[in-house]
Amino acid sequence: MTGTNESPTFADMINGTLELVIPIAHTMGVEAVEVRRGFAATTVPAEGNGNHFGVMYSGVLFTVAEILGGAIAVASFDNSRFYPLVKDLQITFKRPAKTEVRAEASLDDAEIERIAEQAAADGKSDFVLDATITDTGGTVVATTRGLYQLRAHRKQEN
């Protein structure tokens, strides 16, 4: 957290639960650095995430982007009513990553409202999230297009 008397941010919440929810992402060093309604950014270090020819392993690039769908959902929807899941994610590699990378994605307010309304009415709603992954020099190293779904929690029957 940013201060002892401040409330945790959405990024703090994501980082605080990542080890339990997605332990491998935590082990990689994936960190939410900015999360707010309709926007999320994550980072992951190069150190410990290399492959056999000295650049970041492709699975790490995939993971730092895939996490964004859950992060945006936490900040944009009522988590007591809904949870996110990923249905499909496609990645396009542009350049080798040799440094820490940052992944970013966003949803506009109209799309957030559409998703929330459909999930409330139908119990689920699909949405597409495009992400860009850049190195510390600002070079795009990969892009992703993910198909996510917001689902309503099932009510317990007595």
N, C-alpha and C. Protein backbone atom coordinates (compact mmCIF):
# COMPACT_ATOMS: atom_id res chain seq x y z
N MET A 1 0.83 -1.18 0.00
CA MET A 1 0.00 0.00 0.00
C MET A 1 0.88 1.25 0.00
N THR A 2 0.28 2.31 -0.44
CA THR A 2 1.04 3.54 -0.57
C THR A 2 1.24 4.25 0.76
N GLY A 3 0.43 4.03 1.75
CA GLY A 3 0.58 4.68 3.05
C GLY A 3 -0.16 3.89 4.11
N THR A 4 0.18 4.11 5.36
CA THR A 4 -0.42 3.31 6.41
C THR A 4 -1.88 3.64 6.67
N ASN A 5 -2.32 4.85 6.36
CA ASN A 5 -3.71 5.24 6.60
C ASN A 5 -4.55 5.24 5.33
N GLU A 6 -3.99 4.80 4.22
CA GLU A 6 -4.72 4.82 2.96
C GLU A 6 -5.35 3.46 2.69
N SER A 7 -6.46 3.49 1.98
CA SER A 7 -7.11 2.26 1.58
C SER A 7 -6.29 1.59 0.49
N PRO A 8 -6.35 0.26 0.43
CA PRO A 8 -5.61 -0.42 -0.63
C PRO A 8 -6.20 -0.07 -2.00
N THR A 9 -5.33 0.02 -2.98
CA THR A 9 -5.77 0.26 -4.35
C THR A 9 -6.15 -1.07 -4.99
N PHE A 10 -6.76 -1.01 -6.17
CA PHE A 10 -7.06 -2.25 -6.89
C PHE A 10 -5.77 -2.99 -7.20
N ALA A 11 -4.69 -2.28 -7.54
CA ALA A 11 -3.40 -2.93 -7.81
C ALA A 11 -2.91 -3.65 -6.56
N ASP A 12 -3.04 -3.03 -5.39
CA ASP A 12 -2.65 -3.68 -4.14
C ASP A 12 -3.46 -4.96 -3.93
N MET A 13 -4.75 -4.89 -4.22
CA MET A 13 -5.62 -6.05 -4.05
C MET A 13 -5.20 -7.19 -4.98
N ILE A 14 -4.92 -6.85 -6.24
CA ILE A 14 -4.49 -7.88 -7.20
C ILE A 14 -3.18 -8.50 -6.73
N ASN A 15 -2.22 -7.67 -6.38
CA ASN A 15 -0.91 -8.17 -5.96
C ASN A 15 -1.00 -8.99 -4.68
N GLY A 16 -1.89 -8.59 -3.78
CA GLY A 16 -2.04 -9.30 -2.52
C GLY A 16 -2.64 -10.69 -2.65
N THR A 17 -3.40 -10.92 -3.71
CA THR A 17 -4.03 -12.22 -3.89
C THR A 17 -3.41 -13.06 -5.01
N LEU A 18 -2.52 -12.48 -5.79
CA LEU A 18 -1.96 -13.18 -6.94
C LEU A 18 -1.26 -14.48 -6.54
N GLU A 19 -0.53 -14.46 -5.44
CA GLU A 19 0.19 -15.66 -5.00
C GLU A 19 -0.76 -16.82 -4.75
N LEU A 20 -1.95 -16.53 -4.21
CA LEU A 20 -2.91 -17.58 -3.91
C LEU A 20 -3.74 -17.98 -5.12
N VAL A 21 -4.09 -17.01 -5.94
CA VAL A 21 -5.00 -17.26 -7.05
C VAL A 21 -4.28 -17.84 -8.27
N ILE A 22 -3.11 -17.27 -8.60
CA ILE A 22 -2.34 -17.73 -9.75
C ILE A 22 -0.86 -17.79 -9.33
N PRO A 23 -0.50 -18.84 -8.58
CA PRO A 23 0.85 -18.90 -8.01
C PRO A 23 1.98 -18.80 -9.04
N ILE A 24 1.82 -19.35 -10.21
CA ILE A 24 2.89 -19.29 -11.19
C ILE A 24 3.14 -17.86 -11.66
N ALA A 25 2.10 -17.06 -11.79
CA ALA A 25 2.28 -15.66 -12.17
C ALA A 25 3.05 -14.91 -11.09
N HIS A 26 2.74 -15.21 -9.84
CA HIS A 26 3.47 -14.60 -8.73
C HIS A 26 4.94 -15.01 -8.77
N THR A 27 5.20 -16.27 -9.03
CA THR A 27 6.58 -16.77 -9.12
C THR A 27 7.34 -16.08 -10.24
N MET A 28 6.68 -15.81 -11.36
CA MET A 28 7.32 -15.10 -12.47
C MET A 28 7.66 -13.66 -12.10
N GLY A 29 6.96 -13.11 -11.12
CA GLY A 29 7.16 -11.72 -10.74
C GLY A 29 6.17 -10.77 -11.38
N VAL A 30 5.07 -11.30 -11.92
CA VAL A 30 4.03 -10.44 -12.49
C VAL A 30 3.48 -9.55 -11.39
N GLU A 31 3.36 -8.28 -11.70
CA GLU A 31 2.86 -7.31 -10.72
C GLU A 31 1.90 -6.34 -11.39
N ALA A 32 0.76 -6.12 -10.75
CA ALA A 32 -0.17 -5.08 -11.20
C ALA A 32 0.39 -3.75 -10.73
N VAL A 33 0.59 -2.81 -11.66
CA VAL A 33 1.16 -1.52 -11.30
C VAL A 33 0.14 -0.39 -11.37
N GLU A 34 -0.93 -0.59 -12.13
CA GLU A 34 -1.99 0.41 -12.21
C GLU A 34 -3.28 -0.30 -12.60
N VAL A 35 -4.27 -0.19 -11.75
CA VAL A 35 -5.56 -0.83 -12.02
C VAL A 35 -6.65 0.13 -11.57
N ARG A 36 -7.53 0.45 -12.49
CA ARG A 36 -8.68 1.31 -12.19
C ARG A 36 -9.81 0.90 -13.14
N ARG A 37 -10.97 1.45 -12.91
CA ARG A 37 -12.11 1.13 -13.78
C ARG A 37 -11.69 1.29 -15.24
N GLY A 38 -11.82 0.21 -16.00
CA GLY A 38 -11.56 0.24 -17.43
C GLY A 38 -10.10 0.22 -17.84
N PHE A 39 -9.15 0.09 -16.92
CA PHE A 39 -7.74 0.11 -17.30
C PHE A 39 -6.92 -0.74 -16.34
N ALA A 40 -5.95 -1.46 -16.91
CA ALA A 40 -4.99 -2.19 -16.08
C ALA A 40 -3.65 -2.22 -16.78
N ALA A 41 -2.60 -2.16 -15.97
CA ALA A 41 -1.22 -2.31 -16.45
C ALA A 41 -0.49 -3.25 -15.50
N THR A 42 0.27 -4.16 -16.07
CA THR A 42 1.05 -5.12 -15.31
C THR A 42 2.49 -5.11 -15.83
N THR A 43 3.40 -5.54 -14.99
CA THR A 43 4.79 -5.66 -15.39
C THR A 43 5.31 -7.03 -14.98
N VAL A 44 6.44 -7.41 -15.59
CA VAL A 44 7.15 -8.61 -15.19
C VAL A 44 8.63 -8.39 -15.51
N PRO A 45 9.52 -8.79 -14.60
CA PRO A 45 10.95 -8.57 -14.84
C PRO A 45 11.52 -9.58 -15.85
N ALA A 46 12.62 -9.17 -16.48
CA ALA A 46 13.32 -10.08 -17.38
C ALA A 46 14.08 -11.13 -16.58
N GLU A 47 14.65 -10.72 -15.47
CA GLU A 47 15.45 -11.63 -14.65
C GLU A 47 14.64 -12.84 -14.20
N GLY A 48 15.16 -14.02 -14.47
CA GLY A 48 14.50 -15.27 -14.10
C GLY A 48 13.45 -15.73 -15.07
N ASN A 49 13.19 -14.96 -16.12
CA ASN A 49 12.12 -15.29 -17.07
C ASN A 49 12.65 -15.48 -18.49
N GLY A 50 13.92 -15.81 -18.62
CA GLY A 50 14.53 -15.97 -19.94
C GLY A 50 14.32 -17.36 -20.52
N ASN A 51 14.65 -17.45 -21.79
CA ASN A 51 14.58 -18.74 -22.48
C ASN A 51 15.97 -19.17 -22.91
N HIS A 52 16.03 -20.16 -23.78
CA HIS A 52 17.30 -20.76 -24.20
C HIS A 52 18.16 -19.86 -25.08
N PHE A 53 17.64 -18.73 -25.57
CA PHE A 53 18.49 -17.84 -26.37
C PHE A 53 18.53 -16.41 -25.84
N GLY A 54 18.25 -16.25 -24.54
CA GLY A 54 18.51 -14.98 -23.88
C GLY A 54 17.47 -13.90 -23.95
N VAL A 55 16.25 -14.22 -24.32
CA VAL A 55 15.16 -13.24 -24.30
C VAL A 55 14.04 -13.79 -23.43
N MET A 56 13.04 -12.95 -23.17
CA MET A 56 11.95 -13.38 -22.30
C MET A 56 11.17 -14.54 -22.92
N TYR A 57 10.89 -15.52 -22.09
CA TYR A 57 10.14 -16.70 -22.49
C TYR A 57 8.72 -16.31 -22.91
N SER A 58 8.24 -16.88 -23.99
CA SER A 58 6.94 -16.52 -24.55
C SER A 58 5.78 -16.71 -23.57
N GLY A 59 5.85 -17.73 -22.73
CA GLY A 59 4.79 -17.97 -21.76
C GLY A 59 4.68 -16.86 -20.73
N VAL A 60 5.79 -16.22 -20.42
CA VAL A 60 5.79 -15.09 -19.49
C VAL A 60 5.09 -13.90 -20.13
N LEU A 61 5.39 -13.65 -21.41
CA LEU A 61 4.72 -12.56 -22.13
C LEU A 61 3.22 -12.80 -22.19
N PHE A 62 2.82 -14.03 -22.44
CA PHE A 62 1.41 -14.40 -22.47
C PHE A 62 0.76 -14.10 -21.11
N THR A 63 1.43 -14.52 -20.04
CA THR A 63 0.86 -14.38 -18.70
C THR A 63 0.69 -12.93 -18.28
N VAL A 64 1.69 -12.09 -18.53
CA VAL A 64 1.61 -10.69 -18.10
C VAL A 64 0.44 -9.98 -18.78
N ALA A 65 0.07 -10.43 -19.98
CA ALA A 65 -1.08 -9.84 -20.68
C ALA A 65 -2.40 -10.49 -20.26
N GLU A 66 -2.42 -11.78 -20.07
CA GLU A 66 -3.65 -12.50 -19.74
C GLU A 66 -4.24 -12.03 -18.42
N ILE A 67 -3.39 -11.70 -17.46
CA ILE A 67 -3.80 -11.24 -16.14
C ILE A 67 -4.66 -9.97 -16.21
N LEU A 68 -4.49 -9.19 -17.27
CA LEU A 68 -5.19 -7.91 -17.39
C LEU A 68 -6.71 -8.06 -17.37
N GLY A 69 -7.23 -9.12 -17.96
CA GLY A 69 -8.68 -9.31 -17.98
C GLY A 69 -9.27 -9.42 -16.59
N GLY A 70 -8.60 -10.16 -15.72
CA GLY A 70 -9.06 -10.27 -14.34
C GLY A 70 -8.90 -8.98 -13.58
N ALA A 71 -7.78 -8.29 -13.81
CA ALA A 71 -7.53 -7.04 -13.10
C ALA A 71 -8.57 -5.99 -13.46
N ILE A 72 -8.86 -5.86 -14.74
CA ILE A 72 -9.88 -4.89 -15.16
C ILE A 72 -11.25 -5.26 -14.60
N ALA A 73 -11.56 -6.55 -14.57
CA ALA A 73 -12.85 -6.99 -14.02
C ALA A 73 -12.98 -6.64 -12.54
N VAL A 74 -11.91 -6.84 -11.78
CA VAL A 74 -11.95 -6.51 -10.35
C VAL A 74 -12.26 -5.03 -10.14
N ALA A 75 -11.69 -4.17 -10.98
CA ALA A 75 -11.86 -2.73 -10.82
C ALA A 75 -13.12 -2.18 -11.47
N SER A 76 -13.74 -2.95 -12.35
CA SER A 76 -14.84 -2.42 -13.15
C SER A 76 -16.21 -3.00 -12.84
N PHE A 77 -16.26 -4.14 -12.16
CA PHE A 77 -17.53 -4.82 -11.94
C PHE A 77 -17.70 -5.17 -10.46
N ASP A 78 -18.92 -5.47 -10.08
CA ASP A 78 -19.25 -5.84 -8.71
C ASP A 78 -18.79 -7.27 -8.46
N ASN A 79 -17.67 -7.41 -7.74
CA ASN A 79 -17.08 -8.73 -7.51
C ASN A 79 -17.91 -9.62 -6.60
N SER A 80 -18.85 -9.05 -5.87
CA SER A 80 -19.73 -9.88 -5.05
C SER A 80 -20.78 -10.56 -5.92
N ARG A 81 -20.97 -10.05 -7.14
CA ARG A 81 -21.96 -10.63 -8.07
C ARG A 81 -21.33 -11.37 -9.24
N PHE A 82 -20.12 -10.93 -9.67
CA PHE A 82 -19.53 -11.46 -10.90
C PHE A 82 -18.07 -11.85 -10.73
N TYR A 83 -17.61 -12.76 -11.58
CA TYR A 83 -16.19 -13.11 -11.66
C TYR A 83 -15.81 -13.27 -13.13
N PRO A 84 -14.53 -13.02 -13.46
CA PRO A 84 -14.08 -13.13 -14.85
C PRO A 84 -13.44 -14.48 -15.13
N LEU A 85 -13.43 -14.85 -16.39
CA LEU A 85 -12.63 -15.98 -16.85
C LEU A 85 -12.18 -15.69 -18.28
N VAL A 86 -11.10 -16.34 -18.67
CA VAL A 86 -10.60 -16.17 -20.03
C VAL A 86 -11.08 -17.36 -20.86
N LYS A 87 -11.61 -17.08 -22.03
CA LYS A 87 -12.08 -18.13 -22.93
C LYS A 87 -11.08 -18.41 -24.05
N ASP A 88 -10.34 -17.38 -24.46
CA ASP A 88 -9.38 -17.53 -25.56
C ASP A 88 -8.41 -16.36 -25.48
N LEU A 89 -7.17 -16.60 -25.81
CA LEU A 89 -6.21 -15.51 -25.88
C LEU A 89 -5.21 -15.83 -26.98
N GLN A 90 -5.06 -14.89 -27.89
CA GLN A 90 -4.11 -15.05 -28.98
C GLN A 90 -3.03 -13.99 -28.83
N ILE A 91 -1.80 -14.41 -29.05
CA ILE A 91 -0.66 -13.51 -28.91
C ILE A 91 0.10 -13.43 -30.22
N THR A 92 0.53 -12.23 -30.54
CA THR A 92 1.37 -12.00 -31.71
C THR A 92 2.69 -11.42 -31.21
N PHE A 93 3.78 -12.13 -31.46
CA PHE A 93 5.10 -11.68 -31.04
C PHE A 93 5.66 -10.75 -32.10
N LYS A 94 6.13 -9.60 -31.66
CA LYS A 94 6.64 -8.57 -32.58
C LYS A 94 8.16 -8.46 -32.55
N ARG A 95 8.74 -8.44 -31.36
CA ARG A 95 10.19 -8.27 -31.17
C ARG A 95 10.59 -9.06 -29.93
N PRO A 96 11.84 -9.50 -29.85
CA PRO A 96 12.30 -10.16 -28.62
C PRO A 96 12.32 -9.17 -27.46
N ALA A 97 11.93 -9.63 -26.29
CA ALA A 97 11.96 -8.80 -25.08
C ALA A 97 13.20 -9.17 -24.28
N LYS A 98 14.03 -8.17 -24.02
CA LYS A 98 15.27 -8.38 -23.28
C LYS A 98 15.27 -7.64 -21.95
N THR A 99 14.21 -6.88 -21.68
CA THR A 99 14.10 -6.09 -20.46
C THR A 99 12.77 -6.41 -19.79
N GLU A 100 12.53 -5.79 -18.64
CA GLU A 100 11.21 -5.84 -18.04
C GLU A 100 10.19 -5.41 -19.09
N VAL A 101 8.99 -5.95 -19.02
CA VAL A 101 7.93 -5.54 -19.93
C VAL A 101 6.73 -5.04 -19.15
N ARG A 102 5.92 -4.25 -19.84
CA ARG A 102 4.68 -3.70 -19.29
C ARG A 102 3.56 -4.05 -20.27
N ALA A 103 2.48 -4.59 -19.75
CA ALA A 103 1.29 -4.89 -20.55
C ALA A 103 0.18 -3.95 -20.12
N GLU A 104 -0.58 -3.44 -21.10
CA GLU A 104 -1.68 -2.52 -20.82
C GLU A 104 -2.90 -2.89 -21.66
N ALA A 105 -4.07 -2.68 -21.07
CA ALA A 105 -5.32 -2.87 -21.80
C ALA A 105 -6.38 -1.99 -21.18
N SER A 106 -7.43 -1.69 -21.98
CA SER A 106 -8.50 -0.85 -21.46
C SER A 106 -9.84 -1.22 -22.08
N LEU A 107 -10.88 -0.87 -21.36
CA LEU A 107 -12.27 -0.97 -21.82
C LEU A 107 -12.91 0.39 -21.58
N ASP A 108 -13.71 0.86 -22.55
CA ASP A 108 -14.37 2.14 -22.34
C ASP A 108 -15.64 1.96 -21.50
N ASP A 109 -16.17 3.08 -21.01
CA ASP A 109 -17.33 3.04 -20.12
C ASP A 109 -18.55 2.40 -20.77
N ALA A 110 -18.78 2.66 -22.05
CA ALA A 110 -19.93 2.07 -22.73
C ALA A 110 -19.82 0.55 -22.77
N GLU A 111 -18.63 0.03 -23.01
CA GLU A 111 -18.44 -1.43 -23.05
C GLU A 111 -18.59 -2.02 -21.65
N ILE A 112 -18.09 -1.35 -20.64
CA ILE A 112 -18.25 -1.82 -19.27
C ILE A 112 -19.73 -1.91 -18.91
N GLU A 113 -20.50 -0.89 -19.26
CA GLU A 113 -21.94 -0.90 -18.98
C GLU A 113 -22.65 -2.02 -19.73
N ARG A 114 -22.27 -2.23 -21.00
CA ARG A 114 -22.88 -3.31 -21.79
C ARG A 114 -22.62 -4.67 -21.14
N ILE A 115 -21.37 -4.90 -20.74
CA ILE A 115 -20.99 -6.17 -20.13
C ILE A 115 -21.76 -6.39 -18.83
N ALA A 116 -21.81 -5.37 -17.98
CA ALA A 116 -22.50 -5.48 -16.69
C ALA A 116 -23.99 -5.75 -16.87
N GLU A 117 -24.60 -5.03 -17.80
CA GLU A 117 -26.04 -5.23 -18.04
C GLU A 117 -26.33 -6.62 -18.58
N GLN A 118 -25.53 -7.08 -19.53
CA GLN A 118 -25.77 -8.41 -20.10
C GLN A 118 -25.51 -9.50 -19.07
N ALA A 119 -24.46 -9.37 -18.27
CA ALA A 119 -24.17 -10.37 -17.24
C ALA A 119 -25.27 -10.42 -16.19
N ALA A 120 -25.81 -9.25 -15.85
CA ALA A 120 -26.91 -9.21 -14.88
C ALA A 120 -28.16 -9.88 -15.44
N ALA A 121 -28.43 -9.66 -16.72
CA ALA A 121 -29.63 -10.22 -17.34
C ALA A 121 -29.49 -11.70 -17.70
N ASP A 122 -28.31 -12.08 -18.22
CA ASP A 122 -28.13 -13.43 -18.76
C ASP A 122 -27.23 -14.34 -17.93
N GLY A 123 -26.60 -13.79 -16.90
CA GLY A 123 -25.70 -14.59 -16.08
C GLY A 123 -24.27 -14.62 -16.61
N LYS A 124 -24.07 -14.05 -17.79
CA LYS A 124 -22.72 -14.00 -18.36
C LYS A 124 -22.68 -13.02 -19.52
N SER A 125 -21.46 -12.55 -19.82
CA SER A 125 -21.27 -11.65 -20.95
C SER A 125 -19.83 -11.77 -21.45
N ASP A 126 -19.68 -11.99 -22.73
CA ASP A 126 -18.35 -12.04 -23.34
C ASP A 126 -17.86 -10.64 -23.66
N PHE A 127 -16.54 -10.46 -23.59
CA PHE A 127 -15.94 -9.20 -24.02
C PHE A 127 -14.53 -9.45 -24.54
N VAL A 128 -14.11 -8.59 -25.45
CA VAL A 128 -12.78 -8.68 -26.05
C VAL A 128 -11.89 -7.63 -25.43
N LEU A 129 -10.67 -8.03 -25.14
CA LEU A 129 -9.69 -7.13 -24.56
C LEU A 129 -8.40 -7.22 -25.37
N ASP A 130 -7.99 -6.10 -25.94
CA ASP A 130 -6.74 -6.03 -26.68
C ASP A 130 -5.67 -5.44 -25.77
N ALA A 131 -4.50 -6.07 -25.76
CA ALA A 131 -3.40 -5.60 -24.91
C ALA A 131 -2.15 -5.38 -25.74
N THR A 132 -1.34 -4.46 -25.25
CA THR A 132 -0.04 -4.18 -25.85
C THR A 132 1.03 -4.41 -24.80
N ILE A 133 2.09 -5.10 -25.19
CA ILE A 133 3.21 -5.39 -24.29
C ILE A 133 4.44 -4.67 -24.83
N THR A 134 5.03 -3.83 -24.00
CA THR A 134 6.20 -3.05 -24.43
C THR A 134 7.39 -3.31 -23.50
N ASP A 135 8.59 -3.12 -24.05
CA ASP A 135 9.79 -3.21 -23.22
C ASP A 135 10.07 -1.85 -22.58
N THR A 136 11.16 -1.74 -21.83
CA THR A 136 11.44 -0.49 -21.12
C THR A 136 11.79 0.65 -22.07
N GLY A 137 12.14 0.34 -23.31
CA GLY A 137 12.41 1.37 -24.30
C GLY A 137 11.17 1.82 -25.06
N GLY A 138 10.01 1.22 -24.75
CA GLY A 138 8.77 1.57 -25.42
C GLY A 138 8.50 0.78 -26.69
N THR A 139 9.37 -0.18 -27.02
CA THR A 139 9.17 -1.01 -28.21
C THR A 139 8.08 -2.04 -27.94
N VAL A 140 7.13 -2.16 -28.86
CA VAL A 140 6.08 -3.18 -28.74
C VAL A 140 6.72 -4.54 -29.02
N VAL A 141 6.68 -5.42 -28.02
CA VAL A 141 7.25 -6.75 -28.18
C VAL A 141 6.19 -7.81 -28.47
N ALA A 142 4.92 -7.50 -28.12
CA ALA A 142 3.83 -8.43 -28.41
C ALA A 142 2.50 -7.72 -28.25
N THR A 143 1.49 -8.26 -28.88
CA THR A 143 0.11 -7.82 -28.68
C THR A 143 -0.74 -9.06 -28.42
N THR A 144 -1.83 -8.87 -27.71
CA THR A 144 -2.76 -9.98 -27.49
C THR A 144 -4.18 -9.53 -27.76
N ARG A 145 -5.01 -10.49 -28.09
CA ARG A 145 -6.45 -10.29 -28.18
C ARG A 145 -7.08 -11.42 -27.39
N GLY A 146 -7.75 -11.03 -26.31
CA GLY A 146 -8.35 -12.02 -25.44
C GLY A 146 -9.86 -11.96 -25.48
N LEU A 147 -10.47 -13.12 -25.44
CA LEU A 147 -11.91 -13.24 -25.28
C LEU A 147 -12.14 -13.67 -23.84
N TYR A 148 -12.75 -12.78 -23.08
CA TYR A 148 -13.02 -13.01 -21.67
C TYR A 148 -14.53 -13.13 -21.48
N GLN A 149 -14.90 -13.60 -20.29
CA GLN A 149 -16.32 -13.66 -19.96
C GLN A 149 -16.50 -13.22 -18.51
N LEU A 150 -17.49 -12.39 -18.29
CA LEU A 150 -17.90 -12.03 -16.95
C LEU A 150 -19.09 -12.92 -16.61
N ARG A 151 -18.98 -13.64 -15.51
CA ARG A 151 -20.05 -14.57 -15.12
C ARG A 151 -20.61 -14.20 -13.75
N ALA A 152 -21.90 -14.43 -13.60
CA ALA A 152 -22.56 -14.22 -12.32
C ALA A 152 -22.26 -15.41 -11.42
N HIS A 153 -22.04 -15.11 -10.12
CA HIS A 153 -21.89 -16.19 -9.14
C HIS A 153 -23.24 -16.92 -9.07
N ARG A 154 -23.17 -18.21 -8.95
CA ARG A 154 -24.40 -18.99 -8.80
C ARG A 154 -24.93 -18.82 -7.40
N LYS A 155 -26.23 -18.71 -7.30
CA LYS A 155 -26.87 -18.60 -5.99
C LYS A 155 -26.97 -19.99 -5.38
N GLN A 156 -26.69 -20.06 -4.07
CA GLN A 156 -26.78 -21.33 -3.36
C GLN A 156 -28.25 -21.67 -3.13
N GLU A 157 -28.58 -22.90 -3.49
CA GLU A 157 -29.95 -23.36 -3.26
C GLU A 157 -30.02 -24.10 -1.93
N ASN A 158 -31.10 -23.87 -1.19
CA ASN A 158 -31.27 -24.55 0.11
C ASN A 158 -32.06 -25.79 -0.02
